[in-house]
Amino acid sequence: MNRIAVLNIVALVILPAVRSPEGPSLTITATNELDFPRPSETLVLEAKDLQMLNTGDLRKIHVRDAQSGRELLTQAIDLNGDSIMEELIFQADFRAHESRSYSLTTGAVQLPSKDDFKAYGRFVRERYDDFAWENDRIAHRMYGTALETWQQEPLTSSAVDVWCKRVRRLVVNDWYMLDHYHEDTGEGGDFYSAGRSRGCGGSGIWVGGKLYVSRNFINSKVIANGPIRVMFELTYAPWQADGREVSEVKRITLDAGSNLDSFESHYKSSRPDGLVYAAGIKKNEGSVSTSDKEAGWLRSWEPIRKGQLGFLGLGIVMDPGSIVNMAEADDNYLVIGRARADGAAVYHAGFAWNRAGDFPDEQSWGEYLKQAALRIRSPLKIERKLIAAGGR
């Protein structure tokens, strides 16, 4: 499975390290070429580009900001479960047109503290097979098979549910434990009803102007679980889409500091040619939508409980080159996209609650999505820089 194209991923070109008296070292310089800041940018380093540091364990690599000298939090990721780390990630903030340099060295394994964790997710069997995940800004859940036969309130849906947060800390475990998360007690709550809609970024197959969706997921697998990134996969049993049998493995990634998740669905089909999919947002009472096909985004803004709990903005960002159309169906606002030749459907989706403090109104949410679309298409520019022995 190909690596996800996430909101903050950066393609890196790195010059081989030069051994100094302190041991191997490596320096990279990243530049933001856009006219606006890029907070919480995730830089992704691949293991093959770090071989010159002479360590087989990416957890032993330390990243230091060259300007401040401050050591940064890192996360090593095993993408395929072979106990070998393929990626090392860290985050940084960039002002408009700013360049920043980072020094990489080796040392003891970096062990994050509980307070370092800004992204987390898990399978919640005790809540009828939910999969819940969050970062320091937003939280979600999706539904597993046990919910389909729950006697109290059965639900068959592959929607993406929304949990509104007004705190930066992780809340999923606490909210499930207390089981009182449908009211706001000062941290936020679950005020959104995804139902059988697409919720916030759920997808399906689009054929002849009709949306064909899966049932609840049948299996889950966590790939990365903080402190910076949570990444997991959900597997869906085959379903029929206008005579075409389709199955799906959906990989979802959420980084600290982001209001957008990355979705990468890998479809297998009995007729793989010309596969078209749709990613959607539920059309709730009072919601209004705006879209820009050429820029690659769709957004909505809606009152929660008639405005008593504020307003919710939802959005989808997709590569304009893969967008076929914008549409509405089954009470969803939809972005219709063409899957890649390998059956992959890639897009971003997320939300913002105005009471969380980051996006007070519809205009600020819209500006965030516009900038997110530009960030996806304009990764940081990475320049190679050789450091002489001894740091000269």
Protein backbone atom coordinates (compact mmCIF):
# COMPACT_ATOMS: atom_id res chain seq x y z
CA MET A 1 0.00 0.00 0.00
CA ASN A 2 1.34 3.40 -0.95
CA ARG A 3 2.21 5.99 1.63
CA ILE A 4 -0.56 8.44 2.42
CA ALA A 5 -0.49 11.91 0.95
CA VAL A 6 -1.19 13.78 4.17
CA LEU A 7 -1.85 17.50 4.66
CA ASN A 8 1.61 18.19 6.12
CA ILE A 9 3.78 15.62 4.33
CA VAL A 10 7.02 17.05 2.91
CA ALA A 11 9.14 15.46 0.18
CA LEU A 12 12.72 15.59 1.40
CA VAL A 13 15.97 15.65 -0.55
CA ILE A 14 18.86 15.21 1.89
CA LEU A 15 22.60 15.49 1.49
CA PRO A 16 24.72 12.70 3.01
CA ALA A 17 26.01 13.36 6.49
CA VAL A 18 29.57 14.28 7.31
CA ARG A 19 31.13 12.71 10.38
CA SER A 20 32.11 15.25 13.01
CA PRO A 21 34.08 14.54 16.21
CA GLU A 22 30.75 14.05 17.98
CA GLY A 23 29.63 11.41 15.45
CA PRO A 24 27.54 11.45 12.27
CA SER A 25 25.29 14.47 11.75
CA LEU A 26 22.83 15.63 9.14
CA THR A 27 21.32 19.05 8.43
CA ILE A 28 18.25 19.90 6.39
CA THR A 29 16.80 23.33 5.58
CA ALA A 30 13.09 23.76 4.84
CA THR A 31 11.48 26.83 3.26
CA ASN A 32 7.87 27.91 3.21
CA GLU A 33 7.32 29.51 -0.21
CA LEU A 34 3.73 30.52 0.47
CA ASP A 35 2.48 33.97 1.48
CA PHE A 36 0.98 32.81 4.78
CA PRO A 37 2.19 30.93 7.88
CA ARG A 38 2.20 27.12 8.10
CA PRO A 39 1.70 26.12 11.75
CA SER A 40 2.17 22.50 12.87
CA GLU A 41 3.84 21.44 9.63
CA THR A 42 4.80 17.76 9.73
CA LEU A 43 8.17 16.92 8.18
CA VAL A 44 8.54 13.29 7.12
CA LEU A 45 11.98 11.67 6.78
CA GLU A 46 12.27 8.27 5.16
CA ALA A 47 14.62 5.65 6.58
CA LYS A 48 16.58 5.36 3.32
CA ASP A 49 17.50 9.05 3.62
CA LEU A 50 18.80 8.56 7.17
CA GLN A 51 21.13 5.60 6.61
CA MET A 52 24.19 7.86 6.85
CA LEU A 53 23.45 8.31 10.58
CA ASN A 54 24.47 4.67 11.09
CA THR A 55 21.57 3.54 13.21
CA GLY A 56 19.03 0.83 12.50
CA ASP A 57 16.58 2.35 14.96
CA LEU A 58 14.97 5.65 13.93
CA ARG A 59 13.85 6.18 17.53
CA LYS A 60 17.49 6.98 18.35
CA ILE A 61 17.59 9.95 15.99
CA HIS A 62 17.35 13.36 17.64
CA VAL A 63 16.24 16.52 15.81
CA ARG A 64 17.35 19.94 17.01
CA ASP A 65 16.19 23.32 15.75
CA ALA A 66 19.32 25.09 14.47
CA GLN A 67 18.09 28.58 15.38
CA SER A 68 16.93 27.98 18.95
CA GLY A 69 18.97 24.87 19.77
CA ARG A 70 15.78 23.29 21.15
CA GLU A 71 15.35 19.55 20.70
CA LEU A 72 12.09 18.65 18.97
CA LEU A 73 9.68 15.82 19.67
CA THR A 74 9.92 13.03 17.09
CA GLN A 75 7.93 9.91 16.22
CA ALA A 76 9.21 6.85 14.37
CA ILE A 77 6.62 4.93 12.35
CA ASP A 78 6.49 1.28 11.26
CA LEU A 79 4.23 1.42 8.21
CA ASN A 80 3.87 -2.30 7.51
CA GLY A 81 4.16 -4.07 10.85
CA ASP A 82 7.59 -5.64 10.23
CA SER A 83 9.09 -4.05 13.39
CA ILE A 84 11.32 -1.85 11.23
CA MET A 85 10.67 1.89 11.30
CA GLU A 86 10.28 3.34 7.80
CA GLU A 87 9.64 6.99 8.69
CA LEU A 88 10.66 9.61 11.23
CA ILE A 89 8.43 12.65 11.68
CA PHE A 90 8.60 15.91 13.60
CA GLN A 91 6.71 19.21 13.51
CA ALA A 92 7.58 22.87 13.20
CA ASP A 93 5.88 26.22 12.63
CA PHE A 94 6.81 28.38 9.63
CA ARG A 95 6.12 32.04 9.01
CA ALA A 96 5.37 33.22 5.48
CA HIS A 97 8.48 32.72 3.29
CA GLU A 98 10.50 31.52 6.29
CA SER A 99 13.40 29.06 6.13
CA ARG A 100 14.36 26.87 9.09
CA SER A 101 17.25 24.44 9.57
CA TYR A 102 17.42 21.27 11.65
CA SER A 103 20.33 19.19 12.87
CA LEU A 104 19.94 15.41 13.14
CA THR A 105 22.18 13.30 15.39
CA THR A 106 21.94 9.92 17.12
CA GLY A 107 21.63 9.14 20.82
CA ALA A 108 19.44 7.25 23.27
CA VAL A 109 15.88 6.34 22.29
CA GLN A 110 13.61 9.34 22.81
CA LEU A 111 10.75 8.39 25.15
CA PRO A 112 7.77 10.79 25.03
CA SER A 113 5.84 11.58 28.18
CA LYS A 114 2.07 11.34 28.49
CA ASP A 115 1.80 15.11 28.14
CA ASP A 116 3.66 14.93 24.81
CA PHE A 117 0.84 12.97 23.17
CA LYS A 118 -1.29 15.12 20.87
CA ALA A 119 -2.73 12.30 18.71
CA TYR A 120 -4.26 8.97 19.70
CA GLY A 121 -6.78 6.37 18.56
CA ARG A 122 -8.13 2.95 19.51
CA PHE A 123 -10.73 0.27 18.88
CA VAL A 124 -13.47 0.58 21.50
CA ARG A 125 -15.05 -2.85 21.86
CA GLU A 126 -16.95 -1.85 25.00
CA ARG A 127 -18.89 0.72 22.92
CA TYR A 128 -20.15 -1.73 20.26
CA ASP A 129 -17.02 -1.73 18.12
CA ASP A 130 -16.36 1.99 17.73
CA PHE A 131 -13.02 3.14 16.42
CA ALA A 132 -12.30 6.53 17.99
CA TRP A 133 -9.39 8.87 17.33
CA GLU A 134 -8.38 12.44 18.11
CA ASN A 135 -5.68 15.05 18.20
CA ASP A 136 -5.34 18.25 20.22
CA ARG A 137 -8.10 19.94 18.19
CA ILE A 138 -10.74 17.45 17.01
CA ALA A 139 -12.07 13.94 17.65
CA HIS A 140 -13.96 11.35 15.58
CA ARG A 141 -15.36 7.88 15.65
CA MET A 142 -16.53 5.32 13.10
CA TYR A 143 -18.73 2.29 13.59
CA GLY A 144 -17.93 -1.42 13.71
CA THR A 145 -20.12 -4.46 13.16
CA ALA A 146 -21.40 -4.84 16.74
CA LEU A 147 -23.39 -1.62 16.40
CA GLU A 148 -25.45 -3.11 13.58
CA THR A 149 -27.18 -5.50 16.02
CA TRP A 150 -27.19 -3.40 19.20
CA GLN A 151 -30.65 -3.93 20.68
CA GLN A 152 -31.03 -0.40 22.03
CA GLU A 153 -30.14 1.66 18.95
CA PRO A 154 -28.80 -0.40 16.01
CA LEU A 155 -27.04 1.52 13.24
CA THR A 156 -25.59 0.40 9.94
CA SER A 157 -23.35 3.17 8.65
CA SER A 158 -19.85 3.92 7.36
CA ALA A 159 -20.19 7.60 8.28
CA VAL A 160 -17.45 9.60 10.01
CA ASP A 161 -18.81 10.96 13.30
CA VAL A 162 -17.68 14.20 14.96
CA TRP A 163 -16.83 14.96 18.60
CA CYS A 164 -16.42 18.65 19.41
CA LYS A 165 -13.53 19.58 21.74
CA ARG A 166 -12.79 22.85 23.49
CA VAL A 167 -9.62 21.59 25.23
CA ARG A 168 -6.20 20.71 23.78
CA ARG A 169 -5.70 17.56 25.83
CA LEU A 170 -6.82 14.07 24.75
CA VAL A 171 -10.34 13.19 25.90
CA VAL A 172 -11.45 9.97 24.16
CA ASN A 173 -10.63 7.59 27.00
CA ASP A 174 -12.10 9.88 29.66
CA TRP A 175 -15.34 10.46 27.75
CA TYR A 176 -15.91 6.75 27.16
CA MET A 177 -15.16 6.03 30.81
CA LEU A 178 -17.61 8.63 32.13
CA ASP A 179 -20.19 7.83 29.42
CA HIS A 180 -21.69 11.31 29.63
CA TYR A 181 -20.33 12.92 26.49
CA HIS A 182 -23.56 14.09 24.83
CA GLU A 183 -23.61 17.21 27.01
CA ASP A 184 -20.94 19.89 27.29
CA THR A 185 -19.43 19.85 30.77
CA GLY A 186 -16.67 22.29 29.83
CA GLU A 187 -14.61 20.09 27.48
CA GLY A 188 -17.05 19.77 24.57
CA GLY A 189 -19.09 16.73 23.62
CA ASP A 190 -20.77 14.57 21.01
CA PHE A 191 -23.45 16.87 19.58
CA TYR A 192 -23.38 15.59 15.99
CA SER A 193 -25.63 12.90 14.54
CA ALA A 194 -23.94 11.27 11.56
CA GLY A 195 -26.54 8.54 11.15
CA ARG A 196 -26.48 6.86 7.74
CA SER A 197 -25.08 9.96 6.02
CA ARG A 198 -21.43 10.45 5.11
CA GLY A 199 -20.97 12.57 8.25
CA CYS A 200 -17.65 14.37 8.02
CA GLY A 201 -15.78 12.81 5.10
CA GLY A 202 -17.32 9.39 4.68
CA SER A 203 -17.12 8.01 1.16
CA GLY A 204 -18.80 5.63 -1.29
CA ILE A 205 -18.85 4.57 -4.92
CA TRP A 206 -20.61 6.87 -7.37
CA VAL A 207 -22.39 5.30 -10.35
CA GLY A 208 -25.00 6.91 -12.57
CA GLY A 209 -25.69 9.77 -10.19
CA LYS A 210 -26.22 7.44 -7.22
CA LEU A 211 -24.12 6.78 -4.11
CA TYR A 212 -23.39 3.19 -3.05
CA VAL A 213 -21.92 2.81 0.45
CA SER A 214 -20.54 0.03 2.62
CA ARG A 215 -21.81 -1.30 5.92
CA ASN A 216 -19.88 -0.90 9.20
CA PHE A 217 -16.18 -1.81 9.25
CA ILE A 218 -15.31 -5.44 10.01
CA ASN A 219 -11.68 -5.04 11.11
CA SER A 220 -9.29 -2.35 12.34
CA LYS A 221 -5.51 -2.03 12.59
CA VAL A 222 -3.49 0.72 14.29
CA ILE A 223 -0.30 1.65 12.43
CA ALA A 224 0.91 4.71 14.38
CA ASN A 225 -0.39 6.02 17.69
CA GLY A 226 1.21 9.29 18.71
CA PRO A 227 2.62 11.38 20.07
CA ILE A 228 2.43 13.38 16.80
CA ARG A 229 0.44 11.21 14.39
CA VAL A 230 -2.30 8.62 14.65
CA MET A 231 -2.70 6.35 11.62
CA PHE A 232 -4.99 3.32 11.28
CA GLU A 233 -6.86 1.19 8.76
CA LEU A 234 -10.48 0.05 8.65
CA THR A 235 -11.54 -2.89 6.48
CA TYR A 236 -14.99 -3.11 4.89
CA ALA A 237 -16.69 -6.24 3.55
CA PRO A 238 -17.60 -6.29 -0.17
CA TRP A 239 -20.79 -4.55 -1.26
CA GLN A 240 -22.63 -4.05 -4.53
CA ALA A 241 -22.43 -0.82 -6.50
CA ASP A 242 -24.75 -1.07 -9.50
CA GLY A 243 -23.69 -4.64 -10.24
CA ARG A 244 -20.04 -4.05 -9.44
CA GLU A 245 -18.66 -5.77 -6.31
CA VAL A 246 -16.43 -3.43 -4.30
CA SER A 247 -14.39 -3.88 -1.11
CA GLU A 248 -12.37 -1.25 0.74
CA VAL A 249 -9.47 -0.72 3.11
CA LYS A 250 -9.57 2.86 4.39
CA ARG A 251 -6.39 4.35 5.87
CA ILE A 252 -6.92 7.46 8.03
CA THR A 253 -4.21 9.77 9.33
CA LEU A 254 -4.50 12.69 11.74
CA ASP A 255 -1.57 14.85 12.87
CA ALA A 256 -1.29 17.11 15.89
CA GLY A 257 -2.40 20.68 15.25
CA SER A 258 -4.57 19.87 12.23
CA ASN A 259 -8.32 20.16 11.75
CA LEU A 260 -8.15 17.88 8.70
CA ASP A 261 -7.78 14.10 8.53
CA SER A 262 -6.17 12.40 5.55
CA PHE A 263 -8.26 9.63 3.97
CA GLU A 264 -6.84 7.06 1.56
CA SER A 265 -9.33 4.39 0.51
CA HIS A 266 -7.99 1.45 -1.45
CA TYR A 267 -10.82 -0.13 -3.41
CA LYS A 268 -10.85 -3.54 -5.02
CA SER A 269 -13.52 -4.00 -7.65
CA SER A 270 -14.81 -6.69 -9.97
CA ARG A 271 -14.56 -3.95 -12.65
CA PRO A 272 -11.60 -1.78 -11.63
CA ASP A 273 -11.61 0.44 -14.72
CA GLY A 274 -13.00 3.94 -14.38
CA LEU A 275 -13.79 3.74 -10.67
CA VAL A 276 -15.47 6.93 -9.43
CA TYR A 277 -16.06 7.68 -5.76
CA ALA A 278 -17.66 10.41 -3.67
CA ALA A 279 -16.58 11.94 -0.36
CA GLY A 280 -19.30 13.73 1.53
CA ILE A 281 -20.56 15.99 4.28
CA LYS A 282 -23.97 15.56 5.86
CA LYS A 283 -26.52 18.19 4.84
CA ASN A 284 -28.07 19.13 8.17
CA GLU A 285 -30.93 21.51 8.90
CA GLY A 286 -29.75 25.10 8.56
CA SER A 287 -26.47 24.21 6.88
CA VAL A 288 -25.09 26.20 3.97
CA SER A 289 -22.39 25.00 1.61
CA THR A 290 -19.78 26.64 -0.59
CA SER A 291 -17.41 24.95 -3.02
CA ASP A 292 -14.62 25.73 -5.46
CA LYS A 293 -13.94 22.89 -7.89
CA GLU A 294 -10.89 24.61 -9.39
CA ALA A 295 -9.29 25.13 -5.96
CA GLY A 296 -10.33 21.68 -4.75
CA TRP A 297 -12.50 22.27 -1.68
CA LEU A 298 -16.05 21.98 -0.36
CA ARG A 299 -17.23 23.37 2.96
CA SER A 300 -20.37 23.77 5.04
CA TRP A 301 -21.40 25.82 8.07
CA GLU A 302 -24.32 24.83 10.30
CA PRO A 303 -25.91 25.55 13.68
CA ILE A 304 -25.70 22.90 16.41
CA ARG A 305 -29.06 22.37 18.11
CA LYS A 306 -30.43 25.49 16.41
CA GLY A 307 -27.38 27.47 17.50
CA GLN A 308 -27.70 26.73 21.21
CA LEU A 309 -24.31 24.98 21.09
CA GLY A 310 -22.67 27.22 18.53
CA PHE A 311 -21.79 26.43 14.94
CA LEU A 312 -19.94 23.66 13.14
CA GLY A 313 -17.88 23.99 9.98
CA LEU A 314 -17.08 20.88 7.93
CA GLY A 315 -14.91 20.57 4.86
CA ILE A 316 -13.35 18.36 2.19
CA VAL A 317 -10.14 19.09 0.28
CA MET A 318 -9.27 17.08 -2.85
CA ASP A 319 -6.74 17.37 -5.66
CA PRO A 320 -8.54 19.46 -8.31
CA GLY A 321 -7.10 17.19 -10.99
CA SER A 322 -9.07 14.22 -9.67
CA ILE A 323 -12.38 16.04 -9.11
CA VAL A 324 -15.15 15.09 -11.53
CA ASN A 325 -17.94 17.21 -10.09
CA MET A 326 -19.70 18.56 -7.01
CA ALA A 327 -23.14 17.11 -6.23
CA GLU A 328 -25.82 16.47 -3.61
CA ALA A 329 -27.35 13.07 -2.89
CA ASP A 330 -29.02 11.32 0.05
CA ASP A 331 -28.82 14.52 2.14
CA ASN A 332 -25.06 14.87 1.58
CA TYR A 333 -22.89 17.51 -0.05
CA LEU A 334 -20.49 15.51 -2.21
CA VAL A 335 -17.18 15.88 -3.99
CA ILE A 336 -17.05 13.36 -6.84
CA GLY A 337 -13.56 12.11 -7.63
CA ARG A 338 -11.86 9.69 -9.97
CA ALA A 339 -9.83 6.97 -8.25
CA ARG A 340 -6.26 6.32 -9.33
CA ALA A 341 -5.42 3.39 -11.58
CA ASP A 342 -4.47 1.35 -8.49
CA GLY A 343 -7.91 1.93 -6.95
CA ALA A 344 -6.79 4.53 -4.41
CA ALA A 345 -9.03 7.46 -3.51
CA VAL A 346 -7.21 10.24 -1.64
CA TYR A 347 -8.71 13.33 0.00
CA HIS A 348 -8.78 15.28 3.25
CA ALA A 349 -11.77 16.05 5.47
CA GLY A 350 -12.31 17.64 8.84
CA PHE A 351 -14.24 20.14 10.90
CA ALA A 352 -14.13 23.06 13.30
CA TRP A 353 -16.39 24.07 16.21
CA ASN A 354 -16.59 27.81 16.74
CA ARG A 355 -16.55 27.39 20.54
CA ALA A 356 -13.15 25.68 20.40
CA GLY A 357 -11.63 29.12 19.85
CA ASP A 358 -9.74 28.61 16.57
CA PHE A 359 -12.43 29.46 14.00
CA PRO A 360 -14.99 31.95 15.30
CA ASP A 361 -17.01 32.21 12.08
CA GLU A 362 -17.68 30.77 8.65
CA GLN A 363 -15.15 33.08 6.97
CA SER A 364 -12.22 31.94 9.14
CA TRP A 365 -13.10 28.30 8.46
CA GLY A 366 -13.26 28.96 4.75
CA GLU A 367 -9.86 30.66 4.79
CA TYR A 368 -8.35 27.68 6.60
CA LEU A 369 -9.58 25.28 3.91
CA LYS A 370 -8.30 27.53 1.12
CA GLN A 371 -4.86 27.62 2.72
CA ALA A 372 -4.96 23.86 3.40
CA ALA A 373 -5.56 23.20 -0.29
CA LEU A 374 -2.56 25.37 -1.18
CA ARG A 375 -0.36 23.67 1.44
CA ILE A 376 -1.17 20.25 -0.01
CA ARG A 377 -0.19 21.36 -3.49
CA SER A 378 2.87 23.35 -2.34
CA PRO A 379 5.05 21.29 0.01
CA LEU A 380 7.98 22.89 1.79
CA LYS A 381 11.06 23.39 -0.38
CA ILE A 382 14.00 21.41 1.00
CA GLU A 383 17.55 22.52 0.21
CA ARG A 384 20.60 20.36 0.66
CA LYS A 385 23.32 21.60 2.92
CA LEU A 386 26.66 19.98 3.72
CA ILE A 387 28.07 20.40 7.23
CA ALA A 388 31.84 20.20 7.39
CA ALA A 389 33.65 18.10 9.98
CA GLY A 390 33.47 19.65 13.39
CA GLY A 391 30.48 21.77 12.38
CA ARG A 392 32.49 24.22 10.20
